[in-house]
Amino acid sequence: MGNRIRVGIVGASVTPGGSGWGAQAHVPALQALPDPYELKAVCTAHEQTAKASAAAFGAELAFADFELMVERPDIDLIVVTVRAPQHYGLTMQSLEAGKATFCEWPLGANLSEAQAMADLAGTARLPTLVGLQARSDPTIRAARELIAGGYVGTVLVANMSYFTSGVYQRGKGRLWQAWRQNGANPLTIIGGHSMDIVRYVVGDFSDVAAHVTTQTRQWIDTEHGHPIDVDSPDTIGVVARTHGGAEATMQIATVPTGASELRLEIYGTAGRLVLSADNVNQGPTKLHGAEGKDALAPLPIPDKFNLAPASLSNPARNVAEAYVRYAQARAEDQPCNPNFDAALGMHRFIDAIERSSDEGVTLRLP
């Protein structure tokens, strides 16, 4: 396996209405990592846009046909940064072509899609990476190591809350998120990212009880000036127990005014940790800790956790961290974290949350 990683990205565009996340996060992350990455190709829906984007991003190749890009032998990693409903088709096509694949989160629009994607990647023994960027955040990785090393002793209780500003007036490019079936909503996006931090730092869950509602049932279509019905969940309350016996409560919501930062408090037999961030998967993330009855104080983040160039800013920072970790895992012929299996675990947890809410029961998890 060569050291160079030649990347083909689908969904990053320089034109208005294109994938902001691909162009604003993935492209600058890759450009900041010339060793070992090369942004080789860009694919968008139209040839003119593809050529303009490739020229702007410094990519050699431009495609309007995704199949042609995944068939190229000189592309090592396919990156999928399109809308969530399109993840399944493009990712499966990439895997079927034998390509290592980086898919943004959520992996699929639902659990069955995510299961099929993870199964195919596993059967084909292909390296994968998923856009749960918080797992690559240096501060969150440092907190995970502190917990594993016994900084707080045995974890007893964790509490996470995250309230973001709702966008209730939208143009046609964002209206598709109104409908639950498309798989991109507060439960899967801000909920998926924030609850995965708890899973990653504190430990995975053995059971869950949840209540999920849609509080804002209409948005305004700004193009036509009329309301549309919404069924995407926007208020989520979860009580879960980890395999280690800790109790975790999590509340996520979009609100009209007064949104607050992500805050995760972890209490153990010997101390506590507090993680906070303005943006769940971009940071900057702050870490405070206290041993015993000491007052909370800022904790330094060891240099070993900072892998990407310090000059990078959000939203590219944690994406670049993920790319560095992928390159390290690839060089060592090891699975990357987070990969499709990690994403599948999060999809299973979200599915359990929905079923628990619908049935009004506590569910045991594998």
Protein backbone atom coordinates (compact mmCIF):
# COMPACT_ATOMS: atom_id res chain seq x y z
CA MET A 1 0.00 0.00 0.00
CA GLY A 2 1.49 3.33 -1.08
CA ASN A 3 1.87 6.25 1.31
CA ARG A 4 -0.04 8.71 -0.87
CA ILE A 5 -3.82 8.88 -0.40
CA ARG A 6 -5.47 10.23 -3.54
CA VAL A 7 -8.96 11.49 -2.78
CA GLY A 8 -12.09 11.81 -4.90
CA ILE A 9 -14.81 13.89 -3.24
CA VAL A 10 -18.46 14.03 -4.22
CA GLY A 11 -20.64 16.91 -3.08
CA ALA A 12 -18.10 19.72 -2.64
CA SER A 13 -18.98 22.63 -4.91
CA VAL A 14 -17.98 26.26 -5.34
CA THR A 15 -21.46 27.22 -6.53
CA PRO A 16 -24.25 28.58 -4.28
CA GLY A 17 -26.50 25.78 -3.12
CA GLY A 18 -23.69 23.24 -3.20
CA SER A 19 -22.53 21.19 -0.25
CA GLY A 20 -21.26 23.81 2.17
CA TRP A 21 -19.75 21.18 4.45
CA GLY A 22 -17.73 19.55 1.68
CA ALA A 23 -16.34 22.85 0.40
CA GLN A 24 -15.91 24.55 3.78
CA ALA A 25 -14.65 21.63 5.88
CA HIS A 26 -13.29 18.74 3.81
CA VAL A 27 -11.51 20.67 1.07
CA PRO A 28 -9.48 22.97 3.37
CA ALA A 29 -8.72 20.00 5.63
CA LEU A 30 -7.27 18.06 2.71
CA GLN A 31 -5.42 21.09 1.39
CA ALA A 32 -3.75 21.49 4.78
CA LEU A 33 -2.50 17.89 4.70
CA PRO A 34 -0.32 17.58 1.56
CA ASP A 35 1.48 14.70 3.26
CA PRO A 36 0.02 12.17 2.59
CA TYR A 37 -3.16 13.51 0.94
CA GLU A 38 -3.83 14.67 -2.60
CA LEU A 39 -7.25 16.00 -3.61
CA LYS A 40 -7.29 14.20 -6.94
CA ALA A 41 -10.89 14.58 -8.16
CA VAL A 42 -14.17 16.39 -7.58
CA CYS A 43 -17.61 15.14 -8.60
CA THR A 44 -20.75 17.28 -8.75
CA ALA A 45 -24.09 16.92 -10.52
CA HIS A 46 -23.12 19.03 -13.55
CA GLU A 47 -20.01 19.05 -15.72
CA GLN A 48 -19.60 22.83 -15.66
CA THR A 49 -19.85 22.95 -11.88
CA ALA A 50 -17.46 20.01 -11.52
CA LYS A 51 -14.82 21.69 -13.67
CA ALA A 52 -15.18 25.01 -11.83
CA SER A 53 -14.95 23.30 -8.45
CA ALA A 54 -11.94 21.18 -9.43
CA ALA A 55 -10.14 24.30 -10.68
CA ALA A 56 -10.97 26.24 -7.51
CA PHE A 57 -9.88 23.42 -5.21
CA GLY A 58 -6.75 22.45 -7.16
CA ALA A 59 -7.99 18.99 -8.13
CA GLU A 60 -6.68 17.38 -11.31
CA LEU A 61 -9.92 15.65 -12.34
CA ALA A 62 -13.56 16.73 -12.58
CA PHE A 63 -16.57 14.41 -12.94
CA ALA A 64 -20.30 14.81 -13.38
CA ASP A 65 -20.69 11.00 -13.39
CA PHE A 66 -19.91 9.41 -10.02
CA GLU A 67 -19.47 5.95 -11.57
CA LEU A 68 -16.60 7.22 -13.71
CA MET A 69 -14.85 8.64 -10.65
CA VAL A 70 -15.10 5.49 -8.52
CA GLU A 71 -13.75 3.39 -11.41
CA ARG A 72 -10.49 5.36 -11.51
CA PRO A 73 -7.54 3.24 -10.31
CA ASP A 74 -5.64 6.40 -9.33
CA ILE A 75 -8.15 7.31 -6.62
CA ASP A 76 -7.64 5.63 -3.25
CA LEU A 77 -10.34 7.17 -1.04
CA ILE A 78 -13.86 8.27 -1.96
CA VAL A 79 -15.38 10.98 0.24
CA VAL A 80 -19.18 11.36 0.27
CA THR A 81 -20.37 14.80 1.46
CA VAL A 82 -23.80 15.03 -0.17
CA ARG A 83 -27.20 15.18 1.53
CA ALA A 84 -28.04 12.31 3.86
CA PRO A 85 -30.69 10.69 1.61
CA GLN A 86 -28.00 10.22 -1.05
CA HIS A 87 -25.39 8.66 1.25
CA TYR A 88 -26.60 5.10 0.79
CA GLY A 89 -26.58 4.94 -3.01
CA LEU A 90 -23.24 6.65 -3.51
CA THR A 91 -21.48 4.89 -0.65
CA MET A 92 -22.68 1.47 -1.76
CA GLN A 93 -21.49 2.25 -5.28
CA SER A 94 -18.08 3.26 -3.91
CA LEU A 95 -17.78 0.10 -1.81
CA GLU A 96 -18.88 -2.10 -4.71
CA ALA A 97 -16.06 -0.55 -6.74
CA GLY A 98 -13.63 -1.66 -4.03
CA LYS A 99 -12.85 1.82 -2.70
CA ALA A 100 -12.01 2.88 0.82
CA THR A 101 -14.81 5.29 1.72
CA PHE A 102 -15.33 8.28 4.01
CA CYS A 103 -19.05 9.03 4.40
CA GLU A 104 -20.41 11.98 6.30
CA TRP A 105 -22.79 11.45 9.23
CA PRO A 106 -25.46 10.11 9.36
CA LEU A 107 -24.17 7.06 7.55
CA GLY A 108 -27.60 6.20 6.13
CA ALA A 109 -31.07 7.70 6.24
CA ASN A 110 -32.09 4.89 8.62
CA LEU A 111 -30.75 1.85 10.45
CA SER A 112 -31.36 -0.62 7.61
CA GLU A 113 -29.29 1.48 5.20
CA ALA A 114 -26.48 1.86 7.73
CA GLN A 115 -26.52 -1.89 8.39
CA ALA A 116 -26.20 -2.69 4.68
CA MET A 117 -23.35 -0.21 4.25
CA ALA A 118 -21.41 -1.53 7.25
CA ASP A 119 -22.03 -5.14 6.17
CA LEU A 120 -20.71 -4.55 2.66
CA ALA A 121 -17.63 -2.70 3.94
CA GLY A 122 -16.94 -5.53 6.36
CA THR A 123 -17.43 -8.28 3.80
CA ALA A 124 -15.17 -6.50 1.32
CA ARG A 125 -12.62 -5.69 4.07
CA LEU A 126 -12.50 -2.07 2.97
CA PRO A 127 -11.23 0.76 5.20
CA THR A 128 -13.96 3.20 6.19
CA LEU A 129 -14.34 6.49 8.01
CA VAL A 130 -17.51 8.31 9.07
CA GLY A 131 -18.08 11.97 9.86
CA LEU A 132 -18.57 11.73 13.62
CA GLN A 133 -15.95 14.46 13.92
CA ALA A 134 -16.20 14.87 17.69
CA ARG A 135 -14.35 11.57 18.09
CA SER A 136 -11.33 13.25 16.53
CA ASP A 137 -11.60 16.44 18.62
CA PRO A 138 -8.35 16.64 20.67
CA THR A 139 -10.18 17.76 23.82
CA ILE A 140 -12.77 14.99 23.64
CA ARG A 141 -10.07 12.39 23.02
CA ALA A 142 -8.17 13.72 26.03
CA ALA A 143 -11.32 13.46 28.18
CA ARG A 144 -11.80 9.86 27.06
CA GLU A 145 -8.24 9.02 28.10
CA LEU A 146 -8.73 10.68 31.50
CA ILE A 147 -11.89 8.65 32.13
CA ALA A 148 -10.17 5.43 31.06
CA GLY A 149 -7.22 6.28 33.32
CA GLY A 150 -9.42 6.73 36.39
CA TYR A 151 -9.30 10.53 36.75
CA VAL A 152 -12.86 10.59 38.15
CA GLY A 153 -12.71 7.07 39.57
CA THR A 154 -15.73 4.93 38.74
CA VAL A 155 -18.18 6.94 36.65
CA LEU A 156 -21.51 7.24 38.43
CA VAL A 157 -23.50 9.88 36.57
CA ALA A 158 -23.24 11.80 33.30
CA ASN A 159 -25.49 14.63 32.16
CA MET A 160 -25.43 16.16 28.68
CA SER A 161 -27.54 19.00 27.31
CA TYR A 162 -27.43 20.76 23.96
CA PHE A 163 -29.88 23.38 22.69
CA THR A 164 -29.41 24.91 19.24
CA SER A 165 -31.23 27.63 17.34
CA GLY A 166 -34.06 26.33 15.17
CA VAL A 167 -34.31 27.48 11.54
CA TYR A 168 -38.03 27.76 10.91
CA GLN A 169 -37.92 29.70 7.63
CA ARG A 170 -36.11 27.90 4.83
CA GLY A 171 -35.50 28.02 1.12
CA LYS A 172 -36.01 25.00 -1.10
CA GLY A 173 -32.44 23.81 -0.56
CA ARG A 174 -33.13 23.08 3.13
CA LEU A 175 -36.82 22.17 3.21
CA TRP A 176 -36.07 18.47 2.75
CA GLN A 177 -34.95 18.30 6.39
CA ALA A 178 -38.55 18.85 7.49
CA TRP A 179 -39.40 15.19 6.87
CA ARG A 180 -38.22 12.47 9.19
CA GLN A 181 -37.81 9.86 6.45
CA ASN A 182 -34.87 11.79 4.97
CA GLY A 183 -32.76 10.99 8.02
CA ALA A 184 -31.29 14.45 8.73
CA ASN A 185 -32.96 16.12 11.70
CA PRO A 186 -32.17 17.21 15.28
CA LEU A 187 -32.37 13.62 16.54
CA THR A 188 -29.87 12.29 14.00
CA ILE A 189 -27.65 15.35 13.44
CA ILE A 190 -27.15 17.36 16.64
CA GLY A 191 -28.49 14.44 18.67
CA GLY A 192 -26.32 11.88 16.93
CA HIS A 193 -23.16 13.97 17.23
CA SER A 194 -23.72 14.97 20.87
CA MET A 195 -24.91 11.59 22.18
CA ASP A 196 -21.98 9.91 20.42
CA ILE A 197 -19.65 12.06 22.54
CA VAL A 198 -21.21 10.50 25.66
CA ARG A 199 -20.87 6.99 24.17
CA TYR A 200 -17.25 7.65 23.22
CA VAL A 201 -16.11 9.27 26.47
CA VAL A 202 -18.19 7.53 29.15
CA GLY A 203 -18.95 4.17 27.51
CA ASP A 204 -21.62 2.55 25.39
CA PHE A 205 -25.14 1.94 26.63
CA SER A 206 -26.89 -1.20 27.84
CA ASP A 207 -30.44 0.17 28.05
CA VAL A 208 -32.39 3.29 27.13
CA ALA A 209 -35.68 5.06 27.83
CA ALA A 210 -36.56 8.05 25.67
CA HIS A 211 -39.18 10.63 24.80
CA VAL A 212 -39.05 12.19 21.33
CA THR A 213 -41.42 14.91 20.09
CA THR A 214 -41.89 17.45 17.32
CA GLN A 215 -42.66 20.74 19.03
CA THR A 216 -42.54 22.99 15.97
CA ARG A 217 -44.85 21.40 13.44
CA GLN A 218 -44.61 23.93 10.61
CA TRP A 219 -41.87 25.84 8.84
CA ILE A 220 -42.18 28.65 6.31
CA ASP A 221 -41.19 27.96 2.72
CA THR A 222 -39.50 31.28 1.96
CA GLU A 223 -39.65 30.79 -1.80
CA HIS A 224 -43.44 30.52 -1.85
CA GLY A 225 -44.27 32.21 1.44
CA HIS A 226 -46.48 29.45 2.81
CA PRO A 227 -46.16 26.99 5.72
CA ILE A 228 -45.18 23.36 5.28
CA ASP A 229 -45.88 20.53 7.70
CA VAL A 230 -42.93 19.14 9.66
CA ASP A 231 -42.55 15.72 11.25
CA SER A 232 -38.82 15.74 12.03
CA PRO A 233 -38.26 15.37 15.79
CA ASP A 234 -36.83 18.47 17.44
CA THR A 235 -36.96 17.67 21.17
CA ILE A 236 -35.28 14.57 22.59
CA GLY A 237 -34.97 13.38 26.17
CA VAL A 238 -32.97 10.22 26.93
CA VAL A 239 -32.12 8.27 30.07
CA ALA A 240 -29.59 5.49 29.54
CA ARG A 241 -27.31 3.19 31.51
CA THR A 242 -23.79 2.31 30.39
CA HIS A 243 -22.42 -1.22 30.43
CA GLY A 244 -20.28 -0.06 33.33
CA GLY A 245 -23.36 0.88 35.36
CA ALA A 246 -23.27 4.68 35.05
CA GLU A 247 -26.52 6.61 34.61
CA ALA A 248 -26.61 9.09 31.73
CA THR A 249 -29.25 11.70 30.97
CA MET A 250 -29.24 13.56 27.66
CA GLN A 251 -31.48 16.36 26.42
CA ILE A 252 -31.26 17.79 22.90
CA ALA A 253 -33.55 20.36 21.30
CA THR A 254 -33.82 23.11 18.73
CA VAL A 255 -35.34 26.24 20.26
CA PRO A 256 -36.57 29.58 18.86
CA THR A 257 -34.38 31.77 21.10
CA GLY A 258 -31.65 31.56 23.69
CA ALA A 259 -29.76 28.51 22.41
CA SER A 260 -26.97 27.34 24.71
CA GLU A 261 -23.73 25.45 24.28
CA LEU A 262 -23.15 21.73 24.53
CA ARG A 263 -22.36 20.78 28.11
CA LEU A 264 -21.39 17.32 29.36
CA GLU A 265 -20.86 16.80 33.10
CA ILE A 266 -19.32 13.53 34.31
CA TYR A 267 -19.26 12.64 38.01
CA GLY A 268 -17.34 9.75 39.52
CA THR A 269 -16.23 8.38 42.85
CA ALA A 270 -12.99 10.39 42.76
CA GLY A 271 -13.77 13.56 40.80
CA ARG A 272 -15.56 15.16 37.88
CA LEU A 273 -15.04 16.42 34.35
CA VAL A 274 -16.96 19.04 32.39
CA LEU A 275 -16.82 19.31 28.59
CA SER A 276 -18.37 22.29 26.84
CA ALA A 277 -18.47 23.58 23.27
CA ASP A 278 -20.33 26.12 21.19
CA ASN A 279 -20.64 23.64 18.34
CA VAL A 280 -20.93 19.91 18.92
CA ASN A 281 -18.64 18.62 16.18
CA GLN A 282 -16.54 21.70 15.43
CA GLY A 283 -15.57 23.05 18.84
CA PRO A 284 -13.68 24.78 20.20
CA THR A 285 -14.17 22.37 23.07
CA LYS A 286 -13.21 23.28 26.63
CA LEU A 287 -12.34 20.79 29.37
CA HIS A 288 -12.49 21.44 33.12
CA GLY A 289 -11.79 18.94 35.84
CA ALA A 290 -11.62 18.49 39.59
CA GLU A 291 -10.23 15.69 41.71
CA GLY A 292 -12.00 15.00 44.97
CA LYS A 293 -13.65 18.15 46.33
CA ASP A 294 -11.33 20.55 44.51
CA ALA A 295 -12.84 23.41 42.50
CA LEU A 296 -13.21 22.95 38.77
CA ALA A 297 -10.21 24.21 36.83
CA PRO A 298 -9.23 24.22 33.13
CA LEU A 299 -7.26 21.15 32.10
CA PRO A 300 -4.44 21.30 29.51
CA ILE A 301 -4.70 19.16 26.41
CA PRO A 302 -1.52 17.14 25.80
CA ASP A 303 0.22 17.88 22.50
CA LYS A 304 -0.14 14.25 21.40
CA PHE A 305 -3.85 14.82 20.76
CA ASN A 306 -3.29 17.76 18.38
CA LEU A 307 -2.57 16.14 15.04
CA ALA A 308 -3.76 18.68 12.45
CA PRO A 309 -1.96 21.94 11.61
CA ALA A 310 -2.61 24.56 14.29
CA SER A 311 -3.34 27.13 11.58
CA LEU A 312 -6.58 25.37 10.62
CA SER A 313 -9.80 26.92 11.86
CA ASN A 314 -13.37 25.66 12.06
CA PRO A 315 -15.14 23.95 10.46
CA ALA A 316 -12.10 22.20 8.95
CA ARG A 317 -10.19 21.57 12.17
CA ASN A 318 -11.75 18.34 13.45
CA VAL A 319 -12.24 17.04 9.90
CA ALA A 320 -8.49 17.37 9.39
CA GLU A 321 -7.90 15.58 12.70
CA ALA A 322 -10.05 12.72 11.37
CA TYR A 323 -8.07 12.57 8.14
CA VAL A 324 -4.77 12.40 10.04
CA ARG A 325 -6.09 9.56 12.22
CA TYR A 326 -7.28 7.72 9.10
CA ALA A 327 -3.85 8.03 7.50
CA GLN A 328 -2.19 6.70 10.66
CA ALA A 329 -4.58 3.73 10.85
CA ARG A 330 -4.04 3.01 7.14
CA ALA A 331 -0.25 3.05 7.52
CA GLU A 332 -0.54 0.58 10.42
CA ASP A 333 -3.15 -1.53 8.58
CA GLN A 334 -5.59 -0.98 11.44
CA PRO A 335 -9.29 0.01 11.46
CA CYS A 336 -9.91 3.72 11.83
CA ASN A 337 -12.10 5.18 14.57
CA PRO A 338 -14.80 6.22 13.84
CA ASN A 339 -15.52 3.77 11.03
CA PHE A 340 -18.78 2.38 9.67
CA ASP A 341 -19.10 -0.01 12.60
CA ALA A 342 -18.99 2.91 15.04
CA ALA A 343 -21.61 4.68 12.94
CA LEU A 344 -23.78 1.56 12.95
CA GLY A 345 -23.66 1.52 16.75
CA MET A 346 -24.93 5.11 16.82
CA HIS A 347 -27.68 4.28 14.32
CA ARG A 348 -28.77 1.36 16.50
CA PHE A 349 -28.92 3.64 19.52
CA ILE A 350 -31.02 6.22 17.65
CA ASP A 351 -33.35 3.46 16.44
CA ALA A 352 -33.72 2.26 20.04
CA ILE A 353 -34.51 5.84 21.15
CA GLU A 354 -37.29 6.08 18.57
CA ARG A 355 -38.73 2.69 19.49
CA SER A 356 -38.56 3.44 23.21
CA SER A 357 -40.42 6.71 22.67
CA ASP A 358 -43.06 5.13 20.39
CA GLU A 359 -43.69 2.18 22.72
CA GLY A 360 -43.22 3.95 26.05
CA VAL A 361 -40.78 1.31 27.33
CA THR A 362 -37.20 0.89 28.44
CA LEU A 363 -35.23 -1.14 25.89
CA ARG A 364 -32.25 -3.37 26.47
CA LEU A 365 -29.40 -2.92 23.99
CA PRO A 366 -26.90 -5.50 22.70
